[in-house]
C-alpha atoms as a PDB file:
ATOM      1  CA  UNK A   1     -11.039 -13.980  41.348  1.00  0.00           C
ATOM      2  CA  UNK A   2     -13.922 -16.275  40.360  1.00  0.00           C
ATOM      3  CA  UNK A   3     -14.256 -14.428  37.044  1.00  0.00           C
ATOM      4  CA  UNK A   4     -10.551 -14.814  36.248  1.00  0.00           C
ATOM      5  CA  UNK A   5     -10.589 -18.474  37.242  1.00  0.00           C
ATOM      6  CA  UNK A   6     -13.549 -19.041  34.947  1.00  0.00           C
ATOM      7  CA  UNK A   7     -11.727 -17.432  32.029  1.00  0.00           C
ATOM      8  CA  UNK A   8      -8.630 -19.527  32.666  1.00  0.00           C
ATOM      9  CA  UNK A   9     -10.256 -22.854  33.486  1.00  0.00           C
ATOM     10  CA  UNK A  10     -13.538 -22.953  31.561  1.00  0.00           C
ATOM     11  CA  UNK A  11     -12.903 -20.940  28.412  1.00  0.00           C
ATOM     12  CA  UNK A  12     -12.423 -24.211  26.526  1.00  0.00           C
ATOM     13  CA  UNK A  13     -15.976 -25.216  27.465  1.00  0.00           C
ATOM     14  CA  UNK A  14     -17.747 -21.905  26.852  1.00  0.00           C
ATOM     15  CA  UNK A  15     -15.463 -19.643  24.856  1.00  0.00           C
ATOM     16  CA  UNK A  16     -15.284 -19.188  21.097  1.00  0.00           C
ATOM     17  CA  UNK A  17     -12.007 -17.743  19.819  1.00  0.00           C
ATOM     18  CA  UNK A  18     -12.326 -15.095  17.146  1.00  0.00           C
ATOM     19  CA  UNK A  19     -11.267 -16.163  13.669  1.00  0.00           C
ATOM     20  CA  UNK A  20     -12.208 -15.396  10.084  1.00  0.00           C
ATOM     21  CA  UNK A  21     -13.911 -18.786   9.717  1.00  0.00           C
ATOM     22  CA  UNK A  22     -17.679 -19.194   9.836  1.00  0.00           C
ATOM     23  CA  UNK A  23     -18.960 -20.934  12.946  1.00  0.00           C
ATOM     24  CA  UNK A  24     -20.533 -24.375  12.690  1.00  0.00           C
ATOM     25  CA  UNK A  25     -23.282 -24.298  15.344  1.00  0.00           C
ATOM     26  CA  UNK A  26     -23.893 -28.025  15.094  1.00  0.00           C
ATOM     27  CA  UNK A  27     -20.257 -28.676  15.940  1.00  0.00           C
ATOM     28  CA  UNK A  28     -20.170 -26.024  18.674  1.00  0.00           C
ATOM     29  CA  UNK A  29     -23.274 -27.202  20.530  1.00  0.00           C
ATOM     30  CA  UNK A  30     -23.431 -30.816  19.377  1.00  0.00           C
ATOM     31  CA  UNK A  31     -27.024 -30.333  18.215  1.00  0.00           C
ATOM     32  CA  UNK A  32     -29.009 -28.698  15.412  1.00  0.00           C
ATOM     33  CA  UNK A  33     -31.154 -26.382  17.512  1.00  0.00           C
ATOM     34  CA  UNK A  34     -31.850 -22.836  16.350  1.00  0.00           C
ATOM     35  CA  UNK A  35     -29.446 -20.169  17.597  1.00  0.00           C
ATOM     36  CA  UNK A  36     -29.976 -16.837  19.355  1.00  0.00           C
ATOM     37  CA  UNK A  37     -27.201 -14.231  19.456  1.00  0.00           C
ATOM     38  CA  UNK A  38     -26.853 -11.325  21.888  1.00  0.00           C
ATOM     39  CA  UNK A  39     -24.542  -8.357  21.374  1.00  0.00           C
ATOM     40  CA  UNK A  40     -23.142  -6.763  24.544  1.00  0.00           C
ATOM     41  CA  UNK A  41     -24.489  -9.025  27.291  1.00  0.00           C
ATOM     42  CA  UNK A  42     -22.901  -7.120  30.207  1.00  0.00           C
ATOM     43  CA  UNK A  43     -22.443  -9.537  33.106  1.00  0.00           C
ATOM     44  CA  UNK A  44     -24.584 -12.148  31.335  1.00  0.00           C
ATOM     45  CA  UNK A  45     -27.342 -12.330  33.941  1.00  0.00           C
ATOM     46  CA  UNK A  46     -30.212 -11.931  31.473  1.00  0.00           C
ATOM     47  CA  UNK A  47     -28.655 -14.100  28.756  1.00  0.00           C
ATOM     48  CA  UNK A  48     -27.940 -16.965  31.146  1.00  0.00           C
ATOM     49  CA  UNK A  49     -31.495 -16.895  32.499  1.00  0.00           C
ATOM     50  CA  UNK A  50     -32.802 -16.980  28.955  1.00  0.00           C
ATOM     51  CA  UNK A  51     -30.642 -20.023  28.170  1.00  0.00           C
ATOM     52  CA  UNK A  52     -32.012 -21.732  31.290  1.00  0.00           C
ATOM     53  CA  UNK A  53     -35.603 -20.852  30.377  1.00  0.00           C
ATOM     54  CA  UNK A  54     -35.264 -21.955  26.739  1.00  0.00           C
ATOM     55  CA  UNK A  55     -33.142 -25.113  26.599  1.00  0.00           C
ATOM     56  CA  UNK A  56     -34.492 -25.839  23.115  1.00  0.00           C
ATOM     57  CA  UNK A  57     -32.310 -23.054  21.699  1.00  0.00           C
ATOM     58  CA  UNK A  58     -28.581 -22.372  21.528  1.00  0.00           C
ATOM     59  CA  UNK A  59     -27.266 -18.991  22.694  1.00  0.00           C
ATOM     60  CA  UNK A  60     -24.149 -17.079  21.667  1.00  0.00           C
ATOM     61  CA  UNK A  61     -23.173 -13.921  23.539  1.00  0.00           C
ATOM     62  CA  UNK A  62     -20.684 -11.297  22.348  1.00  0.00           C
ATOM     63  CA  UNK A  63     -19.037  -9.033  24.910  1.00  0.00           C
ATOM     64  CA  UNK A  64     -15.666  -7.224  24.990  1.00  0.00           C
ATOM     65  CA  UNK A  65     -15.610  -6.601  28.755  1.00  0.00           C
ATOM     66  CA  UNK A  66     -13.487  -9.338  30.354  1.00  0.00           C
ATOM     67  CA  UNK A  67     -15.071  -9.364  33.834  1.00  0.00           C
ATOM     68  CA  UNK A  68     -18.539  -9.686  32.292  1.00  0.00           C
ATOM     69  CA  UNK A  69     -17.411 -12.617  30.156  1.00  0.00           C
ATOM     70  CA  UNK A  70     -15.812 -14.267  33.190  1.00  0.00           C
ATOM     71  CA  UNK A  71     -18.944 -13.700  35.271  1.00  0.00           C
ATOM     72  CA  UNK A  72     -21.170 -15.402  32.693  1.00  0.00           C
ATOM     73  CA  UNK A  73     -18.808 -18.360  32.241  1.00  0.00           C
ATOM     74  CA  UNK A  74     -18.522 -18.804  36.013  1.00  0.00           C
ATOM     75  CA  UNK A  75     -22.288 -18.779  36.537  1.00  0.00           C
ATOM     76  CA  UNK A  76     -23.028 -21.014  33.540  1.00  0.00           C
ATOM     77  CA  UNK A  77     -20.477 -23.563  34.713  1.00  0.00           C
ATOM     78  CA  UNK A  78     -21.709 -23.421  38.326  1.00  0.00           C
ATOM     79  CA  UNK A  79     -25.262 -24.143  37.150  1.00  0.00           C
ATOM     80  CA  UNK A  80     -24.294 -26.752  34.565  1.00  0.00           C
ATOM     81  CA  UNK A  81     -25.737 -24.794  31.622  1.00  0.00           C
ATOM     82  CA  UNK A  82     -24.253 -25.834  28.283  1.00  0.00           C
ATOM     83  CA  UNK A  83     -26.476 -24.298  25.596  1.00  0.00           C
ATOM     84  CA  UNK A  84     -24.502 -21.053  25.782  1.00  0.00           C
ATOM     85  CA  UNK A  85     -21.177 -19.891  24.285  1.00  0.00           C
ATOM     86  CA  UNK A  86     -19.353 -16.551  24.478  1.00  0.00           C
ATOM     87  CA  UNK A  87     -17.112 -14.531  22.179  1.00  0.00           C
ATOM     88  CA  UNK A  88     -14.869 -11.781  23.540  1.00  0.00           C
ATOM     89  CA  UNK A  89     -14.383  -9.577  20.512  1.00  0.00           C
ATOM     90  CA  UNK A  90     -15.827  -6.657  18.565  1.00  0.00           C
ATOM     91  CA  UNK A  91     -19.382  -7.513  17.512  1.00  0.00           C
ATOM     92  CA  UNK A  92     -19.131  -6.101  13.987  1.00  0.00           C
ATOM     93  CA  UNK A  93     -16.054  -8.221  13.238  1.00  0.00           C
ATOM     94  CA  UNK A  94     -17.796 -11.304  14.604  1.00  0.00           C
ATOM     95  CA  UNK A  95     -20.943 -10.714  12.557  1.00  0.00           C
ATOM     96  CA  UNK A  96     -18.982 -10.107   9.382  1.00  0.00           C
ATOM     97  CA  UNK A  97     -16.466 -12.938   9.764  1.00  0.00           C
ATOM     98  CA  UNK A  98     -17.928 -15.701  11.948  1.00  0.00           C
ATOM     99  CA  UNK A  99     -21.709 -15.592  11.587  1.00  0.00           C
ATOM    100  CA  UNK A 100     -23.157 -17.115   8.422  1.00  0.00           C
ATOM    101  CA  UNK A 101     -25.932 -15.340   6.560  1.00  0.00           C
ATOM    102  CA  UNK A 102     -29.473 -16.495   7.433  1.00  0.00           C
ATOM    103  CA  UNK A 103     -28.238 -18.474  10.465  1.00  0.00           C
ATOM    104  CA  UNK A 104     -29.557 -16.595  13.544  1.00  0.00           C
ATOM    105  CA  UNK A 105     -33.117 -17.117  14.813  1.00  0.00           C
ATOM    106  CA  UNK A 106     -33.075 -14.016  17.033  1.00  0.00           C
ATOM    107  CA  UNK A 107     -30.534 -11.256  17.440  1.00  0.00           C
ATOM    108  CA  UNK A 108     -30.655  -9.301  20.706  1.00  0.00           C
ATOM    109  CA  UNK A 109     -29.306  -5.870  21.568  1.00  0.00           C
ATOM    110  CA  UNK A 110     -30.270  -4.946  25.113  1.00  0.00           C
ATOM    111  CA  UNK A 111     -29.296  -1.616  26.695  1.00  0.00           C
ATOM    112  CA  UNK A 112     -26.491  -0.656  24.308  1.00  0.00           C
ATOM    113  CA  UNK A 113     -24.347   2.353  25.145  1.00  0.00           C
ATOM    114  CA  UNK A 114     -26.671   5.323  24.494  1.00  0.00           C
ATOM    115  CA  UNK A 115     -23.843   7.809  23.887  1.00  0.00           C
ATOM    116  CA  UNK A 116     -26.242  10.316  25.376  1.00  0.00           C
ATOM    117  CA  UNK A 117     -24.269  13.484  24.556  1.00  0.00           C
ATOM    118  CA  UNK A 118     -25.481  14.887  21.250  1.00  0.00           C
ATOM    119  CA  UNK A 119     -22.003  15.088  19.764  1.00  0.00           C
ATOM    120  CA  UNK A 120     -21.582  11.336  20.409  1.00  0.00           C
ATOM    121  CA  UNK A 121     -24.867  10.186  18.846  1.00  0.00           C
ATOM    122  CA  UNK A 122     -22.994   9.156  15.696  1.00  0.00           C
ATOM    123  CA  UNK A 123     -21.285   6.426  17.761  1.00  0.00           C
ATOM    124  CA  UNK A 124     -24.562   4.646  18.476  1.00  0.00           C
ATOM    125  CA  UNK A 125     -24.585   1.153  17.015  1.00  0.00           C
ATOM    126  CA  UNK A 126     -28.067   1.397  15.488  1.00  0.00           C
ATOM    127  CA  UNK A 127     -27.505   2.897  12.060  1.00  0.00           C
ATOM    128  CA  UNK A 128     -28.544   1.820   8.534  1.00  0.00           C
ATOM    129  CA  UNK A 129     -25.457  -0.232   7.680  1.00  0.00           C
ATOM    130  CA  UNK A 130     -25.667  -2.145  10.980  1.00  0.00           C
ATOM    131  CA  UNK A 131     -29.382  -2.801  10.495  1.00  0.00           C
ATOM    132  CA  UNK A 132     -28.750  -4.310   7.063  1.00  0.00           C
ATOM    133  CA  UNK A 133     -25.933  -6.466   8.478  1.00  0.00           C
ATOM    134  CA  UNK A 134     -28.385  -7.819  11.041  1.00  0.00           C
ATOM    135  CA  UNK A 135     -30.890  -8.483   8.256  1.00  0.00           C
ATOM    136  CA  UNK A 136     -28.304 -10.589   6.421  1.00  0.00           C
ATOM    137  CA  UNK A 137     -27.590 -12.750   9.462  1.00  0.00           C
ATOM    138  CA  UNK A 138     -31.193 -13.471  10.506  1.00  0.00           C
ATOM    139  CA  UNK A 139     -33.071 -16.496   9.250  1.00  0.00           C
ATOM    140  CA  UNK A 140     -36.184 -15.819   7.183  1.00  0.00           C
ATOM    141  CA  UNK A 141     -38.807 -14.791   9.735  1.00  0.00           C
ATOM    142  CA  UNK A 142     -36.126 -14.271  12.384  1.00  0.00           C
ATOM    143  CA  UNK A 143     -36.404 -11.441  14.906  1.00  0.00           C
ATOM    144  CA  UNK A 144     -34.307  -8.470  15.976  1.00  0.00           C
ATOM    145  CA  UNK A 145     -35.098  -7.525  19.595  1.00  0.00           C
ATOM    146  CA  UNK A 146     -33.766  -4.275  21.075  1.00  0.00           C
ATOM    147  CA  UNK A 147     -34.271  -2.609  24.441  1.00  0.00           C
ATOM    148  CA  UNK A 148     -33.084   0.668  25.961  1.00  0.00           C
ATOM    149  CA  UNK A 149     -33.792   2.841  28.980  1.00  0.00           C
ATOM    150  CA  UNK A 150     -32.974   6.061  27.102  1.00  0.00           C
ATOM    151  CA  UNK A 151     -36.113   7.472  25.489  1.00  0.00           C
ATOM    152  CA  UNK A 152     -34.249   9.562  22.919  1.00  0.00           C
ATOM    153  CA  UNK A 153     -32.351   6.461  21.770  1.00  0.00           C
ATOM    154  CA  UNK A 154     -35.592   4.444  21.766  1.00  0.00           C
ATOM    155  CA  UNK A 155     -37.228   7.015  19.507  1.00  0.00           C
ATOM    156  CA  UNK A 156     -34.211   6.985  17.190  1.00  0.00           C
ATOM    157  CA  UNK A 157     -34.224   3.155  17.048  1.00  0.00           C
ATOM    158  CA  UNK A 158     -37.935   3.163  16.256  1.00  0.00           C
ATOM    159  CA  UNK A 159     -37.547   5.692  13.458  1.00  0.00           C
ATOM    160  CA  UNK A 160     -34.583   3.928  11.862  1.00  0.00           C
ATOM    161  CA  UNK A 161     -36.036   0.433  12.132  1.00  0.00           C
ATOM    162  CA  UNK A 162     -39.459   1.466  10.817  1.00  0.00           C
ATOM    163  CA  UNK A 163     -37.798   2.951   7.735  1.00  0.00           C
ATOM    164  CA  UNK A 164     -35.408   0.010   7.170  1.00  0.00           C
ATOM    165  CA  UNK A 165     -36.100  -2.325   4.274  1.00  0.00           C
ATOM    166  CA  UNK A 166     -36.850  -5.950   5.038  1.00  0.00           C
ATOM    167  CA  UNK A 167     -38.188  -5.565   8.588  1.00  0.00           C
ATOM    168  CA  UNK A 168     -41.693  -5.308  10.008  1.00  0.00           C
ATOM    169  CA  UNK A 169     -42.496  -3.947  13.466  1.00  0.00           C
ATOM    170  CA  UNK A 170     -44.290  -6.712  15.395  1.00  0.00           C
ATOM    171  CA  UNK A 171     -46.194  -4.093  17.407  1.00  0.00           C
ATOM    172  CA  UNK A 172     -47.224  -2.049  14.382  1.00  0.00           C
ATOM    173  CA  UNK A 173     -45.518   0.904  12.754  1.00  0.00           C
ATOM    174  CA  UNK A 174     -44.301   3.663  15.104  1.00  0.00           C
ATOM    175  CA  UNK A 175     -45.168   1.523  18.146  1.00  0.00           C
ATOM    176  CA  UNK A 176     -42.937   0.075  20.872  1.00  0.00           C
ATOM    177  CA  UNK A 177     -43.460  -3.535  21.876  1.00  0.00           C
ATOM    178  CA  UNK A 178     -46.083  -3.847  24.640  1.00  0.00           C
ATOM    179  CA  UNK A 179     -44.072  -6.636  26.285  1.00  0.00           C
ATOM    180  CA  UNK A 180     -40.434  -7.648  26.611  1.00  0.00           C
ATOM    181  CA  UNK A 181     -40.730 -10.938  24.729  1.00  0.00           C
ATOM    182  CA  UNK A 182     -38.282 -13.530  26.026  1.00  0.00           C
ATOM    183  CA  UNK A 183     -35.987 -10.900  27.544  1.00  0.00           C
ATOM    184  CA  UNK A 184     -35.224 -11.434  31.234  1.00  0.00           C
ATOM    185  CA  UNK A 185     -34.949  -8.469  33.595  1.00  0.00           C
ATOM    186  CA  UNK A 186     -31.580  -7.641  35.129  1.00  0.00           C
ATOM    187  CA  UNK A 187     -30.723  -6.110  38.501  1.00  0.00           C
ATOM    188  CA  UNK A 188     -29.757  -2.932  36.656  1.00  0.00           C
ATOM    189  CA  UNK A 189     -33.137  -2.797  34.969  1.00  0.00           C
ATOM    190  CA  UNK A 190     -35.096  -3.528  38.152  1.00  0.00           C
ATOM    191  CA  UNK A 191     -33.207  -0.770  39.937  1.00  0.00           C
ATOM    192  CA  UNK A 192     -34.027   1.649  37.135  1.00  0.00           C
ATOM    193  CA  UNK A 193     -37.700   0.731  37.211  1.00  0.00           C
ATOM    194  CA  UNK A 194     -37.802   1.324  40.965  1.00  0.00           C
ATOM    195  CA  UNK A 195     -36.342   4.772  40.330  1.00  0.00           C
ATOM    196  CA  UNK A 196     -39.040   5.475  37.773  1.00  0.00           C
ATOM    197  CA  UNK A 197     -36.920   5.035  34.655  1.00  0.00           C
ATOM    198  CA  UNK A 198     -38.678   3.854  31.516  1.00  0.00           C
ATOM    199  CA  UNK A 199     -37.690   0.834  29.426  1.00  0.00           C
ATOM    200  CA  UNK A 200     -38.573   0.553  25.755  1.00  0.00           C
ATOM    201  CA  UNK A 201     -38.562  -2.729  23.803  1.00  0.00           C
ATOM    202  CA  UNK A 202     -38.599  -2.956  20.014  1.00  0.00           C
ATOM    203  CA  UNK A 203     -39.152  -6.293  18.249  1.00  0.00           C
ATOM    204  CA  UNK A 204     -38.873  -6.566  14.480  1.00  0.00           C
ATOM    205  CA  UNK A 205     -39.378  -9.554  12.202  1.00  0.00           C
ATOM    206  CA  UNK A 206     -37.320 -10.143   9.077  1.00  0.00           C
ATOM    207  CA  UNK A 207     -39.591 -10.209   6.073  1.00  0.00           C
END
């Protein structure tokens, strides 16, 4: 109920409707701070904490799952956090239509669907054309931060990113990041760690 109320009553404050027009971050946030963008933020717990921890940045989250979007809007409104906006739409469409080239300080992809069955691996979002789209949208020197709890997917990400043009691995070639950067842990992640699951972070800088 709280999630639905948030969508109905506070979308105007936090929501960005999809369109084929480029976003004006200065107009959206009423400032000229640098902008972070996260694809697939789940229930928004980590993204909201990051916005709280880093008020000097603006944050845009993309998520198609309605309850997750409502959860984030509800919590952001309850805590009076206003450096965060959400888009409920397909991420590729948003990147191609609404996000200007060289406009994102950091792009985040945390725990994307691993499509763990071998026949579904082709559905994984990390592939060469997606990587180059990310490269277009990042500012010069901007970062692409990924995390997964599936080792096979982590290895695939590492291989594809290390071979991609225009990116350098901040931890060194063929090496996962030794820390999680500015990423905040979620309940899901903490539960996995308690169960002995691994988590792999990859942080790449646009050259």
